Amino acid sequence: MSKIWFHFHGGAREVGNVGCTIQKSGCETILIDYGLAASKPPRYPSPTPYVRNAIITHAHIDHIGMAPWLVGHHGTKLHSTPLVAALSEIMWRDTYKVSSIEGYPLTWDKRDIEDSLESWVTHDHRESFDVSGWTCILRGAGHVPGASMVELKTQDIKILWTGDIDTRQSPNVEGAKPVECDILVMEATYAGRDHTDRATEEDRLVKRVQDIRARGGVALIPSFASGRGQDIIKILHDRDPSLNVHYDGMGTRVSRIWNDHPDYLRDPSGFEKALRWTKRVRGKSDRFKALEADVIVTTSGMLDGGPAIWYLNKLRHDSANAILLTGYQAPGSGGRSLVDTGIISIYNRKTRIELEIDKFDLSNHAGRSELVDFARACNPRHLILFHTPDEDVEEFADLFGPDPPFEVLIPINGRDLIIDMDAE
């Protein structure tokens, strides 16, 4: 066997901003993910050395956001599932647009987007392919449709990189399944806590929407463009098709791309039916009609822009209306400010919102207990934890006991983490 070098350019002891190069004797350096953290200001990974090939686990901006820099500087080939590749243009163009509006710098430009769209090499789940001396297999990650875990093999070693995972079944994707391996590199976004039972939260959401409708109000549900919004639509359609639901924002375009890749959906016909059931907002007149709906599902999920701000400004004067938050609200985001202070910036004016605000735990990440069970089931010799809050990772590592069944490693951005397989 030999030594394996892991170098985290971002994503160690932090959530988001993911990028890691992996080196082994006899294999070329390979990169997995290259994103940015959409904080204020954004956080960027460190520059990578030359890499011919990068594997992108999924199309969320904290995993894909800096990929155009790779292509522009190194001519890197990007590998993913067809659905991730199809979503990339929307995500990159939105990132470029937001950076221009908010005035934060990007190290790539529109020309890099065009080149990046030509750089994709796509692979279906469970398809074996060779990259840079590694035999690779992408496996379902359960996070969002098309998201992948990455299995890297040589004759003497197997590595499993989880990407973002959820082992539970969600409305639109099956949960991730463990894979036995020598080295498990596992995200632990929710190292600090378990989730509320998902079915219970879904039922509570629907009941809350029904109560708001009964009093003549509108439920505004800010949601992420790729994953959460589509889950909300499927939940509402399946449990109460009598609801009048309007769907606005970038998620409507993402949903059409999902429909073009049904193999990555748990219930493709059910999702297509749910999408047709919604009234999709296509212009200004539709937006005013949506103010009479029972529910408005729209971006952005953290209330940092998008149609959600327009709707909030219109709906905030009627106490029958309510805001239902279904996703993580990052520090510095509009949603976090609203939850913590009751105040949010609307068109550059600090505005107090008197509406009811409710939160629902509908995360598409595995919770603490699921992560522990997944790691044990993979039966690795080494466990590397990444994409995890710095304040939670040490305590999470301790959950495996004083004599854990594998070595638990916590990397640091910018430093090599070396595993010597010959030393065992």
Protein backbone atom coordinates (compact mmCIF):
# COMPACT_ATOMS: atom_id res chain seq x y z
CA MET A 1 0.00 0.00 0.00
CA SER A 2 1.11 3.64 0.21
CA LYS A 3 0.47 7.10 1.55
CA ILE A 4 -2.65 9.12 0.69
CA TRP A 5 -2.52 12.92 0.85
CA PHE A 6 -5.69 14.93 1.46
CA HIS A 7 -5.39 18.70 1.15
CA PHE A 8 -8.49 20.68 2.03
CA HIS A 9 -8.58 24.01 0.20
CA GLY A 10 -11.83 24.68 2.05
CA GLY A 11 -14.54 22.82 3.92
CA ALA A 12 -12.50 21.66 6.93
CA ARG A 13 -13.92 22.77 10.28
CA GLU A 14 -16.49 24.85 8.42
CA VAL A 15 -19.73 24.33 6.50
CA GLY A 16 -19.52 25.00 2.77
CA ASN A 17 -16.59 26.35 0.78
CA VAL A 18 -15.66 22.76 -0.11
CA GLY A 19 -12.66 21.67 -2.14
CA CYS A 20 -10.13 18.89 -1.54
CA THR A 21 -7.26 17.49 -3.60
CA ILE A 22 -6.33 13.83 -3.14
CA GLN A 23 -2.93 12.40 -4.08
CA LYS A 24 -1.53 8.86 -4.16
CA SER A 25 1.60 7.43 -5.68
CA GLY A 26 0.85 6.14 -9.18
CA CYS A 27 -2.24 8.34 -9.55
CA GLU A 28 -2.66 11.91 -10.68
CA THR A 29 -3.91 14.50 -8.22
CA ILE A 30 -7.71 14.63 -8.31
CA LEU A 31 -9.99 17.33 -6.90
CA ILE A 32 -13.40 16.76 -5.38
CA ASP A 33 -15.72 19.77 -5.43
CA TYR A 34 -14.74 23.42 -5.59
CA GLY A 35 -17.35 25.73 -4.09
CA LEU A 36 -17.72 28.90 -2.14
CA ALA A 37 -19.57 29.77 1.05
CA ALA A 38 -22.39 32.21 0.34
CA SER A 39 -21.81 34.09 3.59
CA LYS A 40 -21.46 37.87 3.88
CA PRO A 41 -18.78 38.38 2.72
CA PRO A 42 -18.41 35.08 0.85
CA ARG A 43 -15.61 32.68 1.77
CA TYR A 44 -13.52 31.15 -0.97
CA PRO A 45 -11.30 28.06 -1.02
CA SER A 46 -7.57 28.48 -1.58
CA PRO A 47 -6.28 28.11 -5.16
CA THR A 48 -5.61 24.55 -6.26
CA PRO A 49 -2.52 23.21 -7.98
CA TYR A 50 -2.93 22.07 -11.57
CA VAL A 51 -5.56 19.34 -11.80
CA ARG A 52 -6.71 17.69 -15.01
CA ASN A 53 -9.87 16.24 -13.49
CA ALA A 54 -12.34 17.29 -10.79
CA ILE A 55 -15.40 15.39 -9.58
CA ILE A 56 -18.36 17.55 -8.60
CA THR A 57 -20.74 15.88 -6.15
CA HIS A 58 -23.74 18.15 -6.72
CA ALA A 59 -24.84 21.55 -8.00
CA HIS A 60 -25.16 23.55 -4.79
CA ILE A 61 -23.01 26.64 -4.85
CA ASP A 62 -20.86 25.63 -1.87
CA HIS A 63 -19.66 22.66 -3.94
CA ILE A 64 -19.69 23.97 -7.51
CA GLY A 65 -19.37 27.75 -7.23
CA MET A 66 -15.65 28.04 -8.01
CA ALA A 67 -15.47 25.36 -10.73
CA PRO A 68 -15.33 27.98 -13.52
CA TRP A 69 -12.03 29.17 -12.03
CA LEU A 70 -10.64 25.63 -12.42
CA VAL A 71 -11.58 25.49 -16.07
CA GLY A 72 -10.36 29.01 -16.76
CA HIS A 73 -6.96 28.48 -15.09
CA HIS A 74 -6.25 24.78 -15.58
CA GLY A 75 -8.56 23.58 -18.37
CA THR A 76 -9.88 21.05 -15.85
CA LYS A 77 -12.41 18.44 -16.94
CA LEU A 78 -15.46 18.34 -14.65
CA HIS A 79 -17.08 14.98 -13.87
CA SER A 80 -20.59 14.54 -12.46
CA THR A 81 -23.98 13.05 -13.14
CA PRO A 82 -25.88 14.44 -16.16
CA LEU A 83 -28.34 16.23 -13.86
CA VAL A 84 -25.58 18.12 -12.03
CA ALA A 85 -24.03 19.18 -15.33
CA ALA A 86 -27.43 20.35 -16.61
CA LEU A 87 -27.99 22.47 -13.50
CA SER A 88 -24.56 24.09 -13.51
CA GLU A 89 -25.33 26.94 -15.93
CA ILE A 90 -28.24 28.22 -13.84
CA MET A 91 -26.18 28.07 -10.66
CA TRP A 92 -23.12 29.79 -12.12
CA ARG A 93 -25.06 32.56 -13.85
CA ASP A 94 -27.01 33.24 -10.66
CA THR A 95 -23.75 33.39 -8.67
CA TYR A 96 -22.31 35.86 -11.18
CA LYS A 97 -25.48 37.98 -11.02
CA VAL A 98 -25.55 38.05 -7.22
CA SER A 99 -21.86 38.94 -7.04
CA SER A 100 -22.47 41.90 -9.35
CA ILE A 101 -25.47 43.11 -7.35
CA GLU A 102 -23.83 42.72 -3.94
CA GLY A 103 -20.42 43.93 -5.09
CA TYR A 104 -18.30 41.02 -3.93
CA PRO A 105 -15.45 39.83 -6.15
CA LEU A 106 -15.32 36.65 -8.19
CA THR A 107 -12.11 35.25 -9.63
CA TRP A 108 -13.90 34.02 -12.76
CA ASP A 109 -16.08 35.69 -15.36
CA LYS A 110 -18.74 34.93 -17.98
CA ARG A 111 -16.20 33.55 -20.44
CA ASP A 112 -15.22 30.95 -17.87
CA ILE A 113 -18.86 29.87 -17.61
CA GLU A 114 -19.00 29.19 -21.34
CA ASP A 115 -15.78 27.17 -21.22
CA SER A 116 -16.97 25.28 -18.14
CA LEU A 117 -20.18 24.21 -19.85
CA GLU A 118 -18.02 22.53 -22.50
CA SER A 119 -15.84 20.80 -19.91
CA TRP A 120 -18.39 18.36 -18.48
CA VAL A 121 -17.90 14.60 -18.70
CA THR A 122 -21.00 12.91 -17.30
CA HIS A 123 -21.49 9.53 -15.64
CA ASP A 124 -24.60 7.82 -14.33
CA HIS A 125 -24.80 6.47 -10.80
CA ARG A 126 -23.15 3.05 -10.42
CA GLU A 127 -21.21 3.50 -13.69
CA SER A 128 -17.49 2.69 -13.36
CA PHE A 129 -14.99 5.03 -15.06
CA ASP A 130 -11.27 5.72 -14.87
CA VAL A 131 -9.91 9.17 -13.96
CA SER A 132 -6.26 10.04 -13.34
CA GLY A 133 -5.34 6.47 -12.32
CA TRP A 134 -8.37 6.03 -10.06
CA THR A 135 -11.34 3.79 -10.77
CA CYS A 136 -14.39 5.86 -9.85
CA ILE A 137 -18.03 5.10 -9.19
CA LEU A 138 -20.66 7.72 -8.37
CA ARG A 139 -23.34 6.53 -5.93
CA GLY A 140 -26.57 8.19 -4.79
CA ALA A 141 -25.99 10.60 -1.90
CA GLY A 142 -29.65 11.12 -0.95
CA HIS A 143 -29.14 14.88 -0.56
CA VAL A 144 -30.86 16.12 -3.72
CA PRO A 145 -31.57 14.37 -7.04
CA GLY A 146 -28.37 13.79 -9.00
CA ALA A 147 -26.09 14.28 -5.98
CA SER A 148 -23.31 11.73 -5.60
CA MET A 149 -21.01 10.04 -3.19
CA VAL A 150 -17.66 9.34 -4.85
CA GLU A 151 -15.99 5.94 -4.62
CA LEU A 152 -12.29 6.05 -5.54
CA LYS A 153 -10.41 2.76 -5.93
CA THR A 154 -6.98 1.46 -6.79
CA GLN A 155 -5.76 -2.12 -6.47
CA ASP A 156 -4.97 -1.64 -2.80
CA ILE A 157 -7.27 1.09 -1.44
CA LYS A 158 -10.89 2.23 -1.50
CA ILE A 159 -11.97 5.75 -0.49
CA LEU A 160 -15.58 6.87 -0.11
CA TRP A 161 -16.20 10.62 -0.25
CA THR A 162 -19.77 11.27 0.84
CA GLY A 163 -20.37 14.79 -0.46
CA ASP A 164 -23.55 16.03 1.24
CA ILE A 165 -25.59 13.02 2.30
CA ASP A 166 -28.95 12.14 3.75
CA THR A 167 -29.63 8.52 4.62
CA ARG A 168 -33.36 9.15 5.04
CA GLN A 169 -35.90 8.99 2.23
CA SER A 170 -37.12 12.45 1.25
CA PRO A 171 -40.00 13.47 -1.03
CA ASN A 172 -37.86 13.43 -4.18
CA VAL A 173 -34.83 11.20 -3.59
CA GLU A 174 -33.88 7.89 -1.97
CA GLY A 175 -31.49 7.92 0.98
CA ALA A 176 -27.76 7.17 0.74
CA LYS A 177 -26.58 3.62 1.40
CA PRO A 178 -23.29 2.81 3.19
CA VAL A 179 -20.35 1.40 1.24
CA GLU A 180 -17.56 -0.52 2.94
CA CYS A 181 -14.25 1.26 2.42
CA ASP A 182 -10.75 1.81 3.81
CA ILE A 183 -11.05 5.60 4.18
CA LEU A 184 -14.39 7.35 4.69
CA VAL A 185 -14.43 11.12 4.12
CA MET A 186 -17.78 12.14 5.59
CA GLU A 187 -19.63 15.43 5.85
CA ALA A 188 -21.07 16.22 9.26
CA THR A 189 -23.09 19.38 8.83
CA TYR A 190 -25.41 18.28 11.62
CA ALA A 191 -22.73 16.90 13.93
CA GLY A 192 -24.33 18.88 16.75
CA ARG A 193 -27.87 17.56 16.73
CA ASP A 194 -30.46 15.11 15.47
CA HIS A 195 -33.40 16.06 13.31
CA THR A 196 -37.05 15.99 14.31
CA ASP A 197 -38.87 13.08 12.68
CA ARG A 198 -39.35 14.14 9.07
CA ALA A 199 -42.90 12.84 8.64
CA THR A 200 -43.93 14.70 11.79
CA GLU A 201 -42.44 17.95 10.46
CA GLU A 202 -44.11 17.50 7.08
CA ASP A 203 -47.49 16.98 8.76
CA ARG A 204 -46.91 20.04 10.94
CA LEU A 205 -46.09 22.15 7.90
CA VAL A 206 -49.28 21.16 6.10
CA LYS A 207 -51.39 21.76 9.21
CA ARG A 208 -49.81 25.20 9.63
CA VAL A 209 -50.58 26.10 6.01
CA GLN A 210 -54.18 24.95 6.44
CA ASP A 211 -54.59 27.06 9.58
CA ILE A 212 -53.26 30.15 7.78
CA ARG A 213 -55.63 29.55 4.88
CA ALA A 214 -58.57 29.14 7.27
CA ARG A 215 -58.02 32.62 8.69
CA GLY A 216 -57.74 34.18 5.23
CA GLY A 217 -53.95 34.53 5.14
CA VAL A 218 -51.14 33.62 2.78
CA ALA A 219 -48.26 31.36 3.79
CA LEU A 220 -44.99 32.66 2.35
CA ILE A 221 -42.43 29.83 2.17
CA PRO A 222 -38.96 31.05 1.17
CA SER A 223 -37.09 28.04 -0.22
CA PHE A 224 -33.81 27.06 -1.83
CA ALA A 225 -33.92 26.80 -5.61
CA SER A 226 -32.58 23.25 -5.89
CA GLY A 227 -34.01 20.80 -3.40
CA ARG A 228 -36.13 22.45 -0.73
CA GLY A 229 -38.66 24.21 -2.94
CA GLN A 230 -39.35 21.03 -4.88
CA ASP A 231 -39.75 19.05 -1.66
CA ILE A 232 -42.28 21.60 -0.34
CA ILE A 233 -44.34 21.38 -3.52
CA LYS A 234 -44.40 17.57 -3.40
CA ILE A 235 -45.36 17.57 0.31
CA LEU A 236 -48.22 20.04 -0.15
CA HIS A 237 -49.56 18.34 -3.28
CA ASP A 238 -49.50 14.86 -1.77
CA ARG A 239 -51.15 15.87 1.51
CA ASP A 240 -53.64 18.54 0.45
CA PRO A 241 -54.21 19.01 -3.30
CA SER A 242 -57.02 21.51 -2.53
CA LEU A 243 -54.37 24.14 -1.71
CA ASN A 244 -53.80 27.02 -4.14
CA VAL A 245 -49.98 27.05 -4.43
CA HIS A 246 -48.00 29.52 -6.56
CA TYR A 247 -44.35 28.81 -7.39
CA ASP A 248 -41.90 31.61 -8.21
CA GLY A 249 -38.17 32.17 -8.63
CA MET A 250 -35.20 30.22 -9.92
CA GLY A 251 -36.59 26.96 -8.55
CA THR A 252 -39.14 26.82 -11.37
CA ARG A 253 -36.30 26.55 -13.92
CA VAL A 254 -34.46 24.00 -11.78
CA SER A 255 -37.64 21.91 -11.61
CA ARG A 256 -37.92 21.75 -15.38
CA ILE A 257 -34.38 20.39 -15.55
CA TRP A 258 -35.24 17.81 -12.89
CA ASN A 259 -38.11 16.64 -15.06
CA ASP A 260 -35.66 16.12 -17.93
CA HIS A 261 -33.69 13.65 -15.77
CA PRO A 262 -36.36 11.38 -14.25
CA ASP A 263 -33.91 8.57 -13.41
CA TYR A 264 -32.60 10.63 -10.48
CA LEU A 265 -36.04 11.24 -8.92
CA ARG A 266 -37.63 8.88 -6.42
CA ASP A 267 -41.12 9.45 -7.89
CA PRO A 268 -40.68 11.20 -11.26
CA SER A 269 -44.33 10.99 -12.34
CA GLY A 270 -45.47 12.20 -8.91
CA PHE A 271 -43.09 15.15 -9.02
CA GLU A 272 -44.14 16.11 -12.55
CA LYS A 273 -47.77 15.97 -11.45
CA ALA A 274 -47.04 18.14 -8.40
CA LEU A 275 -45.19 20.69 -10.53
CA ARG A 276 -48.07 20.93 -13.01
CA TRP A 277 -50.45 21.39 -10.07
CA THR A 278 -48.69 24.57 -8.96
CA LYS A 279 -49.36 27.90 -10.63
CA ARG A 280 -45.94 28.99 -11.86
CA VAL A 281 -45.27 32.71 -11.81
CA ARG A 282 -43.97 33.91 -15.16
CA GLY A 283 -44.29 37.68 -14.94
CA LYS A 284 -45.39 40.72 -12.98
CA SER A 285 -49.12 40.14 -13.45
CA ASP A 286 -48.74 36.55 -12.19
CA ARG A 287 -46.91 37.88 -9.14
CA PHE A 288 -49.85 40.09 -8.17
CA LYS A 289 -52.21 37.12 -8.66
CA ALA A 290 -50.03 35.09 -6.30
CA LEU A 291 -50.87 37.51 -3.49
CA GLU A 292 -54.33 35.85 -3.43
CA ALA A 293 -52.91 32.32 -3.13
CA ASP A 294 -52.96 30.05 -0.10
CA VAL A 295 -49.21 29.43 -0.39
CA ILE A 296 -46.31 31.10 -2.19
CA VAL A 297 -43.15 29.01 -2.57
CA THR A 298 -40.26 31.13 -3.81
CA THR A 299 -36.57 31.91 -3.64
CA SER A 300 -34.45 32.92 -1.90
CA GLY A 301 -34.44 30.43 0.94
CA MET A 302 -32.50 32.74 3.28
CA LEU A 303 -34.44 35.89 2.33
CA ASP A 304 -31.37 37.52 0.83
CA GLY A 305 -33.12 38.56 -2.36
CA GLY A 306 -35.25 37.09 -5.10
CA PRO A 307 -39.03 37.31 -5.34
CA ALA A 308 -39.38 36.43 -1.63
CA ILE A 309 -38.47 40.00 -0.67
CA TRP A 310 -41.07 41.46 -3.05
CA TYR A 311 -43.76 39.19 -1.61
CA LEU A 312 -42.72 39.91 1.98
CA ASN A 313 -43.00 43.64 1.34
CA LYS A 314 -46.52 43.21 -0.02
CA LEU A 315 -47.74 40.74 2.60
CA ARG A 316 -46.24 42.26 5.74
CA HIS A 317 -49.18 44.61 6.45
CA ASP A 318 -51.76 41.83 7.04
CA SER A 319 -51.30 39.85 10.26
CA ALA A 320 -53.30 36.94 8.82
CA ASN A 321 -50.26 36.13 6.67
CA ALA A 322 -47.24 34.20 7.96
CA ILE A 323 -43.67 33.28 7.04
CA LEU A 324 -42.71 29.61 7.17
CA LEU A 325 -38.97 28.93 7.13
CA THR A 326 -37.91 25.43 6.11
CA GLY A 327 -34.16 25.79 5.70
CA TYR A 328 -30.99 26.83 7.49
CA GLN A 329 -30.65 30.59 7.96
CA ALA A 330 -26.95 31.44 7.87
CA PRO A 331 -25.44 34.14 10.09
CA GLY A 332 -25.65 37.46 8.25
CA SER A 333 -28.57 36.37 6.07
CA GLY A 334 -31.88 38.19 5.87
CA GLY A 335 -33.64 35.18 7.30
CA ARG A 336 -31.35 35.01 10.33
CA SER A 337 -31.86 38.71 10.98
CA LEU A 338 -35.61 38.26 10.77
CA VAL A 339 -35.61 35.32 13.20
CA ASP A 340 -33.24 36.97 15.69
CA THR A 341 -34.49 40.57 15.61
CA GLY A 342 -37.78 40.70 13.69
CA ILE A 343 -36.09 43.13 11.29
CA ILE A 344 -35.00 42.56 7.68
CA SER A 345 -33.61 44.76 4.93
CA ILE A 346 -36.21 45.36 2.20
CA TYR A 347 -34.80 47.31 -0.72
CA ASN A 348 -32.04 48.71 1.52
CA ARG A 349 -34.41 49.81 4.28
CA LYS A 350 -34.42 48.11 7.68
CA THR A 351 -38.02 46.99 8.12
CA ARG A 352 -39.71 45.46 11.14
CA ILE A 353 -41.95 42.50 10.26
CA GLU A 354 -44.90 41.83 12.56
CA LEU A 355 -46.01 38.59 10.89
CA GLU A 356 -45.90 35.21 12.59
CA ILE A 357 -42.73 33.27 11.80
CA ASP A 358 -42.50 29.50 12.14
CA LYS A 359 -39.57 27.17 11.46
CA PHE A 360 -39.63 23.59 10.20
CA ASP A 361 -36.81 21.05 10.18
CA LEU A 362 -36.88 19.69 6.63
CA SER A 363 -33.14 19.40 6.11
CA ASN A 364 -31.71 17.19 3.37
CA HIS A 365 -28.59 16.42 5.42
CA ALA A 366 -28.26 13.41 7.68
CA GLY A 367 -28.57 14.19 11.39
CA ARG A 368 -26.08 13.23 14.07
CA SER A 369 -27.41 9.73 14.76
CA GLU A 370 -27.72 8.90 11.05
CA LEU A 371 -24.12 10.03 10.50
CA VAL A 372 -22.81 7.83 13.32
CA ASP A 373 -24.74 4.82 12.01
CA PHE A 374 -23.55 5.47 8.45
CA ALA A 375 -19.89 5.69 9.47
CA ARG A 376 -20.06 2.47 11.46
CA ALA A 377 -21.81 0.66 8.58
CA CYS A 378 -19.06 1.70 6.13
CA ASN A 379 -16.55 -0.04 8.43
CA PRO A 380 -13.54 2.11 7.46
CA ARG A 381 -10.09 2.06 8.99
CA HIS A 382 -9.96 5.86 8.90
CA LEU A 383 -12.76 8.44 9.14
CA ILE A 384 -12.12 12.02 7.99
CA LEU A 385 -14.72 14.60 9.03
CA PHE A 386 -15.37 17.70 6.91
CA HIS A 387 -18.16 20.18 6.11
CA THR A 388 -18.87 20.43 9.81
CA PRO A 389 -19.15 23.36 12.24
CA ASP A 390 -15.89 23.92 14.08
CA GLU A 391 -17.72 24.12 17.41
CA ASP A 392 -19.31 20.65 16.95
CA VAL A 393 -16.68 18.46 15.32
CA GLU A 394 -14.64 17.47 18.41
CA GLU A 395 -17.72 16.42 20.39
CA PHE A 396 -19.03 14.51 17.38
CA ALA A 397 -15.75 12.61 17.07
CA ASP A 398 -16.10 11.61 20.73
CA LEU A 399 -19.41 9.87 19.97
CA PHE A 400 -17.44 6.90 18.62
CA GLY A 401 -16.14 6.23 22.13
CA PRO A 402 -12.76 6.14 23.87
CA ASP A 403 -11.67 3.19 21.70
CA PRO A 404 -13.31 3.90 18.33
CA PRO A 405 -13.43 1.16 15.67
CA PHE A 406 -11.47 3.45 13.30
CA GLU A 407 -9.10 6.38 13.45
CA VAL A 408 -11.07 9.66 13.49
CA LEU A 409 -9.28 12.54 11.76
CA ILE A 410 -10.23 16.22 11.70
CA PRO A 411 -8.46 18.09 8.89
CA ILE A 412 -7.43 21.75 8.81
CA ASN A 413 -7.73 23.91 5.72
CA GLY A 414 -4.41 24.50 4.00
CA ARG A 415 -2.56 21.61 5.67
CA ASP A 416 -1.84 18.16 4.31
CA LEU A 417 -3.56 15.27 6.06
CA ILE A 418 -1.49 12.16 5.33
CA ILE A 419 -2.63 8.58 5.88
CA ASP A 420 0.14 5.98 5.68
CA MET A 421 -1.57 2.70 4.85
CA ASP A 422 1.77 0.83 5.15
CA ALA A 423 2.06 1.84 8.81
CA GLU A 424 -0.95 -0.22 9.84
